[in-house]
Amino acid sequence: MAAIRKKLVIVGDGACGKTCLLTAFSKDQFPKVYVSTVFKNYVAGIEVDGTQKPIRPDQGRDMANTIGALGYMECSAKTKDGVREVFEMATRAALQTRRGKEKSGCFIL
């Protein structure tokens, strides 16, 4: 059987750990030094209500429900706790077919 290839897009605030998460998953290690991986294609910063603060797990679950995400998970790239499970859930979501709806090619996890 031929391998199924899917593209995964990781989105998040600057310096929140996107690259660390990908490195922890793909190389099974946490990066020793910080390397900025910013891609400057029409990037704009925005601050809402003058604050930036982490969200609580219940707020994350509520947001996932609000936007119709297929799931909500938390993980730590540093300890690798939950990293494999996040990518397994993302893989399952990417392979799901939704019946009765037009295919958009994009899933929100």
PDB file of N, CA and C in Angstrom:
ATOM      1  N   MET A   1       0.838  -1.178   0.000  1.00  0.00           N
ATOM      2  CA  MET A   1       0.000   0.000   0.000  1.00  0.00           C
ATOM      3  C   MET A   1       0.882   1.239   0.000  1.00  0.00           C
ATOM      4  N   ALA A   2       0.555   2.194  -0.829  1.00  0.00           N
ATOM      5  CA  ALA A   2       1.332   3.430  -0.926  1.00  0.00           C
ATOM      6  C   ALA A   2       1.100   4.307   0.299  1.00  0.00           C
ATOM      7  N   ALA A   3       2.143   4.990   0.711  1.00  0.00           N
ATOM      8  CA  ALA A   3       2.038   5.898   1.851  1.00  0.00           C
ATOM      9  C   ALA A   3       1.139   7.073   1.497  1.00  0.00           C
ATOM     10  N   ILE A   4       0.376   7.528   2.462  1.00  0.00           N
ATOM     11  CA  ILE A   4      -0.475   8.697   2.281  1.00  0.00           C
ATOM     12  C   ILE A   4       0.285   9.891   2.819  1.00  0.00           C
ATOM     13  N   ARG A   5       0.418  10.922   1.998  1.00  0.00           N
ATOM     14  CA  ARG A   5       1.160  12.121   2.411  1.00  0.00           C
ATOM     15  C   ARG A   5       0.176  13.246   2.682  1.00  0.00           C
ATOM     16  N   LYS A   6       0.348  13.887   3.819  1.00  0.00           N
ATOM     17  CA  LYS A   6      -0.465  15.033   4.207  1.00  0.00           C
ATOM     18  C   LYS A   6       0.457  16.138   4.684  1.00  0.00           C
ATOM     19  N   LYS A   7       0.037  17.362   4.518  1.00  0.00           N
ATOM     20  CA  LYS A   7       0.798  18.511   4.993  1.00  0.00           C
ATOM     21  C   LYS A   7       0.222  18.955   6.327  1.00  0.00           C
ATOM     22  N   LEU A   8       1.089  19.228   7.279  1.00  0.00           N
ATOM     23  CA  LEU A   8       0.681  19.678   8.598  1.00  0.00           C
ATOM     24  C   LEU A   8       1.148  21.104   8.796  1.00  0.00           C
ATOM     25  N   VAL A   9       0.258  21.958   9.237  1.00  0.00           N
ATOM     26  CA  VAL A   9       0.598  23.353   9.496  1.00  0.00           C
ATOM     27  C   VAL A   9       0.463  23.594  10.991  1.00  0.00           C
ATOM     28  N   ILE A  10       1.532  24.078  11.601  1.00  0.00           N
ATOM     29  CA  ILE A  10       1.532  24.407  13.022  1.00  0.00           C
ATOM     30  C   ILE A  10       1.425  25.919  13.141  1.00  0.00           C
ATOM     31  N   VAL A  11       0.458  26.386  13.903  1.00  0.00           N
ATOM     32  CA  VAL A  11       0.236  27.813  14.066  1.00  0.00           C
ATOM     33  C   VAL A  11       0.284  28.151  15.549  1.00  0.00           C
ATOM     34  N   GLY A  12       0.929  29.261  15.876  1.00  0.00           N
ATOM     35  CA  GLY A  12       0.967  29.691  17.272  1.00  0.00           C
ATOM     36  C   GLY A  12       1.715  30.993  17.411  1.00  0.00           C
ATOM     37  N   ASP A  13       1.622  31.566  18.599  1.00  0.00           N
ATOM     38  CA  ASP A  13       2.333  32.806  18.894  1.00  0.00           C
ATOM     39  C   ASP A  13       3.827  32.606  18.742  1.00  0.00           C
ATOM     40  N   GLY A  14       4.550  33.714  18.586  1.00  0.00           N
ATOM     41  CA  GLY A  14       6.003  33.662  18.518  1.00  0.00           C
ATOM     42  C   GLY A  14       6.598  33.105  19.792  1.00  0.00           C
ATOM     43  N   ALA A  15       7.613  32.292  19.646  1.00  0.00           N
ATOM     44  CA  ALA A  15       8.352  31.703  20.769  1.00  0.00           C
ATOM     45  C   ALA A  15       7.475  30.867  21.692  1.00  0.00           C
ATOM     46  N   CYS A  16       6.407  30.248  21.142  1.00  0.00           N
ATOM     47  CA  CYS A  16       5.536  29.419  21.988  1.00  0.00           C
ATOM     48  C   CYS A  16       5.933  27.949  21.945  1.00  0.00           C
ATOM     49  N   GLY A  17       6.838  27.566  21.039  1.00  0.00           N
ATOM     50  CA  GLY A  17       7.326  26.197  21.015  1.00  0.00           C
ATOM     51  C   GLY A  17       6.946  25.378  19.801  1.00  0.00           C
ATOM     52  N   LYS A  18       6.555  26.026  18.710  1.00  0.00           N
ATOM     53  CA  LYS A  18       6.161  25.280  17.509  1.00  0.00           C
ATOM     54  C   LYS A  18       7.308  24.435  16.969  1.00  0.00           C
ATOM     55  N   THR A  19       8.473  25.033  16.807  1.00  0.00           N
ATOM     56  CA  THR A  19       9.631  24.310  16.292  1.00  0.00           C
ATOM     57  C   THR A  19      10.080  23.234  17.276  1.00  0.00           C
ATOM     58  N   CYS A  20      10.045  23.539  18.566  1.00  0.00           N
ATOM     59  CA  CYS A  20      10.414  22.546  19.585  1.00  0.00           C
ATOM     60  C   CYS A  20       9.492  21.339  19.520  1.00  0.00           C
ATOM     61  N   LEU A  21       8.197  21.580  19.320  1.00  0.00           N
ATOM     62  CA  LEU A  21       7.235  20.490  19.210  1.00  0.00           C
ATOM     63  C   LEU A  21       7.559  19.605  18.015  1.00  0.00           C
ATOM     64  N   LEU A  22       7.818  20.225  16.865  1.00  0.00           N
ATOM     65  CA  LEU A  22       8.143  19.450  15.667  1.00  0.00           C
ATOM     66  C   LEU A  22       9.455  18.682  15.826  1.00  0.00           C
ATOM     67  N   THR A  23      10.446  19.307  16.459  1.00  0.00           N
ATOM     68  CA  THR A  23      11.732  18.649  16.684  1.00  0.00           C
ATOM     69  C   THR A  23      11.581  17.493  17.658  1.00  0.00           C
ATOM     70  N   ALA A  24      10.818  17.707  18.731  1.00  0.00           N
ATOM     71  CA  ALA A  24      10.606  16.635  19.712  1.00  0.00           C
ATOM     72  C   ALA A  24       9.930  15.435  19.057  1.00  0.00           C
ATOM     73  N   PHE A  25       9.003  15.688  18.144  1.00  0.00           N
ATOM     74  CA  PHE A  25       8.323  14.589  17.471  1.00  0.00           C
ATOM     75  C   PHE A  25       9.208  13.908  16.430  1.00  0.00           C
ATOM     76  N   SER A  26       9.815  14.700  15.556  1.00  0.00           N
ATOM     77  CA  SER A  26      10.536  14.124  14.416  1.00  0.00           C
ATOM     78  C   SER A  26      11.907  13.560  14.779  1.00  0.00           C
ATOM     79  N   LYS A  27      12.575  14.157  15.772  1.00  0.00           N
ATOM     80  CA  LYS A  27      13.930  13.710  16.127  1.00  0.00           C
ATOM     81  C   LYS A  27      14.013  13.125  17.525  1.00  0.00           C
ATOM     82  N   ASP A  28      12.891  13.094  18.247  1.00  0.00           N
ATOM     83  CA  ASP A  28      12.816  12.564  19.608  1.00  0.00           C
ATOM     84  C   ASP A  28      13.831  13.226  20.543  1.00  0.00           C
ATOM     85  N   GLN A  29      13.992  14.539  20.365  1.00  0.00           N
ATOM     86  CA  GLN A  29      14.879  15.293  21.254  1.00  0.00           C
ATOM     87  C   GLN A  29      14.407  16.739  21.330  1.00  0.00           C
ATOM     88  N   PHE A  30      14.769  17.411  22.418  1.00  0.00           N
ATOM     89  CA  PHE A  30      14.426  18.815  22.598  1.00  0.00           C
ATOM     90  C   PHE A  30      15.613  19.660  22.176  1.00  0.00           C
ATOM     91  N   PRO A  31      15.411  20.696  21.366  1.00  0.00           N
ATOM     92  CA  PRO A  31      16.540  21.517  20.913  1.00  0.00           C
ATOM     93  C   PRO A  31      17.307  22.119  22.097  1.00  0.00           C
ATOM     94  N   LYS A  32      18.621  22.089  22.009  1.00  0.00           N
ATOM     95  CA  LYS A  32      19.476  22.617  23.080  1.00  0.00           C
ATOM     96  C   LYS A  32      19.539  24.138  23.069  1.00  0.00           C
ATOM     97  N   VAL A  33      19.445  24.740  21.889  1.00  0.00           N
ATOM     98  CA  VAL A  33      19.521  26.197  21.765  1.00  0.00           C
ATOM     99  C   VAL A  33      18.311  26.708  20.983  1.00  0.00           C
ATOM    100  N   TYR A  34      17.942  27.944  21.243  1.00  0.00           N
ATOM    101  CA  TYR A  34      16.821  28.553  20.535  1.00  0.00           C
ATOM    102  C   TYR A  34      17.278  29.051  19.174  1.00  0.00           C
ATOM    103  N   VAL A  35      16.559  28.664  18.149  1.00  0.00           N
ATOM    104  CA  VAL A  35      16.820  29.145  16.797  1.00  0.00           C
ATOM    105  C   VAL A  35      15.506  29.684  16.259  1.00  0.00           C
ATOM    106  N   SER A  36      15.474  30.969  15.976  1.00  0.00           N
ATOM    107  CA  SER A  36      14.269  31.583  15.451  1.00  0.00           C
ATOM    108  C   SER A  36      13.988  31.037  14.053  1.00  0.00           C
ATOM    109  N   THR A  37      12.747  30.674  13.810  1.00  0.00           N
ATOM    110  CA  THR A  37      12.371  30.129  12.504  1.00  0.00           C
ATOM    111  C   THR A  37      11.235  30.950  11.898  1.00  0.00           C
ATOM    112  N   VAL A  38      11.289  32.236  12.058  1.00  0.00           N
ATOM    113  CA  VAL A  38      10.245  33.136  11.561  1.00  0.00           C
ATOM    114  C   VAL A  38      10.294  33.209  10.034  1.00  0.00           C
ATOM    115  N   PHE A  39       9.139  33.122   9.429  1.00  0.00           N
ATOM    116  CA  PHE A  39       9.008  33.310   7.991  1.00  0.00           C
ATOM    117  C   PHE A  39       8.234  34.601   7.802  1.00  0.00           C
ATOM    118  N   LYS A  40       8.829  35.580   7.156  1.00  0.00           N
ATOM    119  CA  LYS A  40       8.219  36.902   7.080  1.00  0.00           C
ATOM    120  C   LYS A  40       7.417  37.081   5.796  1.00  0.00           C
ATOM    121  N   ASN A  41       6.285  36.450   5.748  1.00  0.00           N
ATOM    122  CA  ASN A  41       5.364  36.614   4.633  1.00  0.00           C
ATOM    123  C   ASN A  41       4.092  37.257   5.160  1.00  0.00           C
ATOM    124  N   TYR A  42       3.976  38.576   5.006  1.00  0.00           N
ATOM    125  CA  TYR A  42       2.789  39.293   5.447  1.00  0.00           C
ATOM    126  C   TYR A  42       2.461  39.004   6.910  1.00  0.00           C
ATOM    127  N   VAL A  43       3.419  39.199   7.766  1.00  0.00           N
ATOM    128  CA  VAL A  43       3.247  38.962   9.197  1.00  0.00           C
ATOM    129  C   VAL A  43       2.941  40.279   9.890  1.00  0.00           C
ATOM    130  N   ALA A  44       1.939  40.270  10.755  1.00  0.00           N
ATOM    131  CA  ALA A  44       1.604  41.462  11.529  1.00  0.00           C
ATOM    132  C   ALA A  44       1.297  41.050  12.953  1.00  0.00           C
ATOM    133  N   GLY A  45       1.792  41.825  13.902  1.00  0.00           N
ATOM    134  CA  GLY A  45       1.511  41.535  15.303  1.00  0.00           C
ATOM    135  C   GLY A  45       0.285  42.301  15.761  1.00  0.00           C
ATOM    136  N   ILE A  46      -0.404  41.721  16.738  1.00  0.00           N
ATOM    137  CA  ILE A  46      -1.581  42.378  17.294  1.00  0.00           C
ATOM    138  C   ILE A  46      -1.651  42.064  18.775  1.00  0.00           C
ATOM    139  N   GLU A  47      -2.058  43.028  19.545  1.00  0.00           N
ATOM    140  CA  GLU A  47      -2.233  42.847  20.982  1.00  0.00           C
ATOM    141  C   GLU A  47      -3.690  43.137  21.292  1.00  0.00           C
ATOM    142  N   VAL A  48      -4.330  42.262  22.041  1.00  0.00           N
ATOM    143  CA  VAL A  48      -5.742  42.422  22.352  1.00  0.00           C
ATOM    144  C   VAL A  48      -5.897  42.775  23.819  1.00  0.00           C
ATOM    145  N   ASP A  49      -6.614  43.822  24.086  1.00  0.00           N
ATOM    146  CA  ASP A  49      -6.866  44.279  25.456  1.00  0.00           C
ATOM    147  C   ASP A  49      -5.590  44.564  26.231  1.00  0.00           C
ATOM    148  N   GLY A  50      -4.497  44.827  25.536  1.00  0.00           N
ATOM    149  CA  GLY A  50      -3.255  45.199  26.194  1.00  0.00           C
ATOM    150  C   GLY A  50      -2.560  44.087  26.943  1.00  0.00           C
ATOM    151  N   THR A  51      -3.000  42.842  26.752  1.00  0.00           N
ATOM    152  CA  THR A  51      -2.373  41.747  27.508  1.00  0.00           C
ATOM    153  C   THR A  51      -2.121  40.540  26.621  1.00  0.00           C
ATOM    154  N   GLN A  52      -1.156  39.775  27.020  1.00  0.00           N
ATOM    155  CA  GLN A  52      -0.913  38.451  26.441  1.00  0.00           C
ATOM    156  C   GLN A  52      -0.655  37.533  27.610  1.00  0.00           C
ATOM    157  N   LYS A  53      -1.489  36.532  27.786  1.00  0.00           N
ATOM    158  CA  LYS A  53      -1.285  35.607  28.891  1.00  0.00           C
ATOM    159  C   LYS A  53      -1.670  34.203  28.441  1.00  0.00           C
ATOM    160  N   PRO A  54      -1.082  33.204  29.072  1.00  0.00           N
ATOM    161  CA  PRO A  54      -1.419  31.824  28.701  1.00  0.00           C
ATOM    162  C   PRO A  54      -2.892  31.536  28.992  1.00  0.00           C
ATOM    163  N   ILE A  55      -3.438  30.599  28.252  1.00  0.00           N
ATOM    164  CA  ILE A  55      -4.815  30.207  28.511  1.00  0.00           C
ATOM    165  C   ILE A  55      -4.839  28.961  29.389  1.00  0.00           C
ATOM    166  N   ARG A  56      -5.918  28.786  30.092  1.00  0.00           N
ATOM    167  CA  ARG A  56      -6.112  27.597  30.930  1.00  0.00           C
ATOM    168  C   ARG A  56      -6.651  26.463  30.056  1.00  0.00           C
ATOM    169  N   PRO A  57      -6.459  25.210  30.473  1.00  0.00           N
ATOM    170  CA  PRO A  57      -6.979  24.080  29.674  1.00  0.00           C
ATOM    171  C   PRO A  57      -8.474  24.181  29.383  1.00  0.00           C
ATOM    172  N   ASP A  58      -9.273  24.629  30.363  1.00  0.00           N
ATOM    173  CA  ASP A  58     -10.713  24.742  30.107  1.00  0.00           C
ATOM    174  C   ASP A  58     -11.008  25.789  29.041  1.00  0.00           C
ATOM    175  N   GLN A  59     -10.201  26.863  28.994  1.00  0.00           N
ATOM    176  CA  GLN A  59     -10.377  27.867  27.946  1.00  0.00           C
ATOM    177  C   GLN A  59     -10.009  27.288  26.584  1.00  0.00           C
ATOM    178  N   GLY A  60      -8.976  26.459  26.539  1.00  0.00           N
ATOM    179  CA  GLY A  60      -8.585  25.814  25.288  1.00  0.00           C
ATOM    180  C   GLY A  60      -9.660  24.877  24.780  1.00  0.00           C
ATOM    181  N   ARG A  61     -10.244  24.084  25.688  1.00  0.00           N
ATOM    182  CA  ARG A  61     -11.320  23.170  25.293  1.00  0.00           C
ATOM    183  C   ARG A  61     -12.549  23.948  24.802  1.00  0.00           C
ATOM    184  N   ASP A  62     -12.875  25.048  25.502  1.00  0.00           N
ATOM    185  CA  ASP A  62     -14.005  25.865  25.070  1.00  0.00           C
ATOM    186  C   ASP A  62     -13.771  26.432  23.669  1.00  0.00           C
ATOM    187  N   MET A  63     -12.555  26.914  23.410  1.00  0.00           N
ATOM    188  CA  MET A  63     -12.233  27.462  22.088  1.00  0.00           C
ATOM    189  C   MET A  63     -12.306  26.371  21.027  1.00  0.00           C
ATOM    190  N   ALA A  64     -11.801  25.184  21.347  1.00  0.00           N
ATOM    191  CA  ALA A  64     -11.866  24.069  20.398  1.00  0.00           C
ATOM    192  C   ALA A  64     -13.313  23.770  20.034  1.00  0.00           C
ATOM    193  N   ASN A  65     -14.199  23.772  21.017  1.00  0.00           N
ATOM    194  CA  ASN A  65     -15.619  23.536  20.751  1.00  0.00           C
ATOM    195  C   ASN A  65     -16.213  24.666  19.913  1.00  0.00           C
ATOM    196  N   THR A  66     -15.842  25.894  20.229  1.00  0.00           N
ATOM    197  CA  THR A  66     -16.377  27.062  19.520  1.00  0.00           C
ATOM    198  C   THR A  66     -16.020  27.039  18.039  1.00  0.00           C
ATOM    199  N   ILE A  67     -14.772  26.679  17.725  1.00  0.00           N
ATOM    200  CA  ILE A  67     -14.341  26.705  16.321  1.00  0.00           C
ATOM    201  C   ILE A  67     -14.579  25.383  15.605  1.00  0.00           C
ATOM    202  N   GLY A  68     -15.130  24.402  16.312  1.00  0.00           N
ATOM    203  CA  GLY A  68     -15.436  23.118  15.683  1.00  0.00           C
ATOM    204  C   GLY A  68     -14.219  22.249  15.446  1.00  0.00           C
ATOM    205  N   ALA A  69     -13.218  22.370  16.320  1.00  0.00           N
ATOM    206  CA  ALA A  69     -12.012  21.543  16.196  1.00  0.00           C
ATOM    207  C   ALA A  69     -12.369  20.082  16.434  1.00  0.00           C
ATOM    208  N   LEU A  70     -11.628  19.193  15.826  1.00  0.00           N
ATOM    209  CA  LEU A  70     -11.860  17.766  16.003  1.00  0.00           C
ATOM    210  C   LEU A  70     -11.325  17.250  17.330  1.00  0.00           C
ATOM    211  N   GLY A  71     -10.527  18.053  18.006  1.00  0.00           N
ATOM    212  CA  GLY A  71     -10.005  17.628  19.301  1.00  0.00           C
ATOM    213  C   GLY A  71      -9.206  18.727  19.960  1.00  0.00           C
ATOM    214  N   TYR A  72      -8.896  18.507  21.223  1.00  0.00           N
ATOM    215  CA  TYR A  72      -8.065  19.438  21.990  1.00  0.00           C
ATOM    216  C   TYR A  72      -7.111  18.610  22.840  1.00  0.00           C
ATOM    217  N   MET A  73      -5.838  18.918  22.760  1.00  0.00           N
ATOM    218  CA  MET A  73      -4.838  18.206  23.551  1.00  0.00           C
ATOM    219  C   MET A  73      -3.790  19.187  24.031  1.00  0.00           C
ATOM    220  N   GLU A  74      -3.100  18.825  25.088  1.00  0.00           N
ATOM    221  CA  GLU A  74      -1.969  19.595  25.573  1.00  0.00           C
ATOM    222  C   GLU A  74      -0.761  18.677  25.589  1.00  0.00           C
ATOM    223  N   CYS A  75       0.423  19.279  25.416  1.00  0.00           N
ATOM    224  CA  CYS A  75       1.643  18.484  25.438  1.00  0.00           C
ATOM    225  C   CYS A  75       2.809  19.363  25.848  1.00  0.00           C
ATOM    226  N   SER A  76       3.941  18.736  26.096  1.00  0.00           N
ATOM    227  CA  SER A  76       5.178  19.455  26.407  1.00  0.00           C
ATOM    228  C   SER A  76       6.270  18.956  25.479  1.00  0.00           C
ATOM    229  N   ALA A  77       6.774  19.852  24.637  1.00  0.00           N
ATOM    230  CA  ALA A  77       7.883  19.468  23.764  1.00  0.00           C
ATOM    231  C   ALA A  77       9.137  19.203  24.591  1.00  0.00           C
ATOM    232  N   LYS A  78       9.291  19.937  25.695  1.00  0.00           N
ATOM    233  CA  LYS A  78      10.493  19.800  26.520  1.00  0.00           C
ATOM    234  C   LYS A  78      10.572  18.419  27.176  1.00  0.00           C
ATOM    235  N   THR A  79       9.461  17.959  27.747  1.00  0.00           N
ATOM    236  CA  THR A  79       9.470  16.639  28.398  1.00  0.00           C
ATOM    237  C   THR A  79       8.982  15.537  27.456  1.00  0.00           C
ATOM    238  N   LYS A  80       8.498  15.922  26.294  1.00  0.00           N
ATOM    239  CA  LYS A  80       7.917  15.033  25.284  1.00  0.00           C
ATOM    240  C   LYS A  80       6.623  14.385  25.763  1.00  0.00           C
ATOM    241  N   ASP A  81       6.064  14.899  26.839  1.00  0.00           N
ATOM    242  CA  ASP A  81       4.815  14.380  27.382  1.00  0.00           C
ATOM    243  C   ASP A  81       3.659  14.728  26.447  1.00  0.00           C
ATOM    244  N   GLY A  82       3.016  13.728  25.890  1.00  0.00           N
ATOM    245  CA  GLY A  82       1.860  13.926  25.031  1.00  0.00           C
ATOM    246  C   GLY A  82       2.162  14.288  23.584  1.00  0.00           C
ATOM    247  N   VAL A  83       3.448  14.415  23.214  1.00  0.00           N
ATOM    248  CA  VAL A  83       3.795  14.832  21.849  1.00  0.00           C
ATOM    249  C   VAL A  83       3.321  13.812  20.823  1.00  0.00           C
ATOM    250  N   ARG A  84       3.636  12.547  21.030  1.00  0.00           N
ATOM    251  CA  ARG A  84       3.223  11.510  20.078  1.00  0.00           C
ATOM    252  C   ARG A  84       1.701  11.478  19.948  1.00  0.00           C
ATOM    253  N   GLU A  85       0.999  11.618  21.068  1.00  0.00           N
ATOM    254  CA  GLU A  85      -0.464  11.580  21.043  1.00  0.00           C
ATOM    255  C   GLU A  85      -1.039  12.739  20.236  1.00  0.00           C
ATOM    256  N   VAL A  86      -0.423  13.918  20.323  1.00  0.00           N
ATOM    257  CA  VAL A  86      -0.879  15.065  19.533  1.00  0.00           C
ATOM    258  C   VAL A  86      -0.760  14.760  18.039  1.00  0.00           C
ATOM    259  N   PHE A  87       0.383  14.208  17.641  1.00  0.00           N
ATOM    260  CA  PHE A  87       0.573  13.914  16.222  1.00  0.00           C
ATOM    261  C   PHE A  87      -0.286  12.740  15.769  1.00  0.00           C
ATOM    262  N   GLU A  88      -0.555  11.778  16.650  1.00  0.00           N
ATOM    263  CA  GLU A  88      -1.466  10.693  16.297  1.00  0.00           C
ATOM    264  C   GLU A  88      -2.879  11.227  16.067  1.00  0.00           C
ATOM    265  N   MET A  89      -3.327  12.141  16.954  1.00  0.00           N
ATOM    266  CA  MET A  89      -4.656  12.732  16.782  1.00  0.00           C
ATOM    267  C   MET A  89      -4.710  13.550  15.493  1.00  0.00           C
ATOM    268  N   ALA A  90      -3.661  14.302  15.209  1.00  0.00           N
ATOM    269  CA  ALA A  90      -3.619  15.107  13.978  1.00  0.00           C
ATOM    270  C   ALA A  90      -3.665  14.202  12.753  1.00  0.00           C
ATOM    271  N   THR A  91      -2.968  13.083  12.814  1.00  0.00           N
ATOM    272  CA  THR A  91      -2.972  12.136  11.690  1.00  0.00           C
ATOM    273  C   THR A  91      -4.357  11.548  11.489  1.00  0.00           C
ATOM    274  N   ARG A  92      -5.000  11.130  12.587  1.00  0.00           N
ATOM    275  CA  ARG A  92      -6.362  10.600  12.463  1.00  0.00           C
ATOM    276  C   ARG A  92      -7.309  11.646  11.870  1.00  0.00           C
ATOM    277  N   ALA A  93      -7.168  12.889  12.328  1.00  0.00           N
ATOM    278  CA  ALA A  93      -8.037  13.963  11.820  1.00  0.00           C
ATOM    279  C   ALA A  93      -7.809  14.190  10.333  1.00  0.00           C
ATOM    280  N   ALA A  94      -6.548  14.151   9.910  1.00  0.00           N
ATOM    281  CA  ALA A  94      -6.231  14.380   8.498  1.00  0.00           C
ATOM    282  C   ALA A  94      -6.760  13.257   7.613  1.00  0.00           C
ATOM    283  N   LEU A  95      -6.870  12.068   8.170  1.00  0.00           N
ATOM    284  CA  LEU A  95      -7.325  10.921   7.375  1.00  0.00           C
ATOM    285  C   LEU A  95      -8.839  10.741   7.402  1.00  0.00           C
ATOM    286  N   GLN A  96      -9.517  11.471   8.280  1.00  0.00           N
ATOM    287  CA  GLN A  96     -10.973  11.360   8.364  1.00  0.00           C
ATOM    288  C   GLN A  96     -11.617  11.957   7.129  1.00  0.00           C
ATOM    289  N   THR A  97     -12.726  11.358   6.734  1.00  0.00           N
ATOM    290  CA  THR A  97     -13.533  11.958   5.674  1.00  0.00           C
ATOM    291  C   THR A  97     -14.852  12.358   6.299  1.00  0.00           C
ATOM    292  N   ARG A  98     -15.302  13.535   5.991  1.00  0.00           N
ATOM    293  CA  ARG A  98     -16.581  14.012   6.516  1.00  0.00           C
ATOM    294  C   ARG A  98     -17.641  13.789   5.449  1.00  0.00           C
ATOM    295  N   ARG A  99     -18.639  13.031   5.811  1.00  0.00           N
ATOM    296  CA  ARG A  99     -19.708  12.772   4.863  1.00  0.00           C
ATOM    297  C   ARG A  99     -20.771  13.845   4.974  1.00  0.00           C
ATOM    298  N   GLY A 100     -21.323  14.221   3.838  1.00  0.00           N
ATOM    299  CA  GLY A 100     -22.393  15.203   3.821  1.00  0.00           C
ATOM    300  C   GLY A 100     -21.901  16.640   3.825  1.00  0.00           C
ATOM    301  N   LYS A 101     -20.614  16.838   3.889  1.00  0.00           N
ATOM    302  CA  LYS A 101     -20.069  18.195   3.862  1.00  0.00           C
ATOM    303  C   LYS A 101     -19.074  18.302   2.720  1.00  0.00           C
ATOM    304  N   GLU A 102     -18.963  19.481   2.197  1.00  0.00           N
ATOM    305  CA  GLU A 102     -17.993  19.725   1.141  1.00  0.00           C
ATOM    306  C   GLU A 102     -16.588  19.637   1.729  1.00  0.00           C
ATOM    307  N   LYS A 103     -15.695  18.963   1.045  1.00  0.00           N
ATOM    308  CA  LYS A 103     -14.318  18.820   1.515  1.00  0.00           C
ATOM    309  C   LYS A 103     -13.579  20.141   1.335  1.00  0.00           C
ATOM    310  N   SER A 104     -12.982  20.619   2.421  1.00  0.00           N
ATOM    311  CA  SER A 104     -12.218  21.865   2.323  1.00  0.00           C
ATOM    312  C   SER A 104     -10.727  21.591   2.264  1.00  0.00           C
ATOM    313  N   GLY A 105     -10.315  20.362   2.629  1.00  0.00           N
ATOM    314  CA  GLY A 105      -8.898  20.040   2.617  1.00  0.00           C
ATOM    315  C   GLY A 105      -8.167  20.506   3.855  1.00  0.00           C
ATOM    316  N   CYS A 106      -8.881  21.101   4.812  1.00  0.00           N
ATOM    317  CA  CYS A 106      -8.240  21.637   6.008  1.00  0.00           C
ATOM    318  C   CYS A 106      -9.041  21.216   7.231  1.00  0.00           C
ATOM    319  N   PHE A 107      -8.361  20.697   8.243  1.00  0.00           N
ATOM    320  CA  PHE A 107      -8.991  20.319   9.489  1.00  0.00           C
ATOM    321  C   PHE A 107      -8.411  21.143  10.607  1.00  0.00           C
ATOM    322  N   ILE A 108      -9.213  21.544  11.556  1.00  0.00           N
ATOM    323  CA  ILE A 108      -8.748  22.267  12.734  1.00  0.00           C
ATOM    324  C   ILE A 108      -8.714  21.272  13.872  1.00  0.00           C
ATOM    325  N   LEU A 109      -7.538  21.140  14.474  1.00  0.00           N
ATOM    326  CA  LEU A 109      -7.383  20.189  15.579  1.00  0.00           C
ATOM    327  C   LEU A 109      -7.289  20.944  16.866  1.00  0.00           C
TER     328      LEU A 109
END
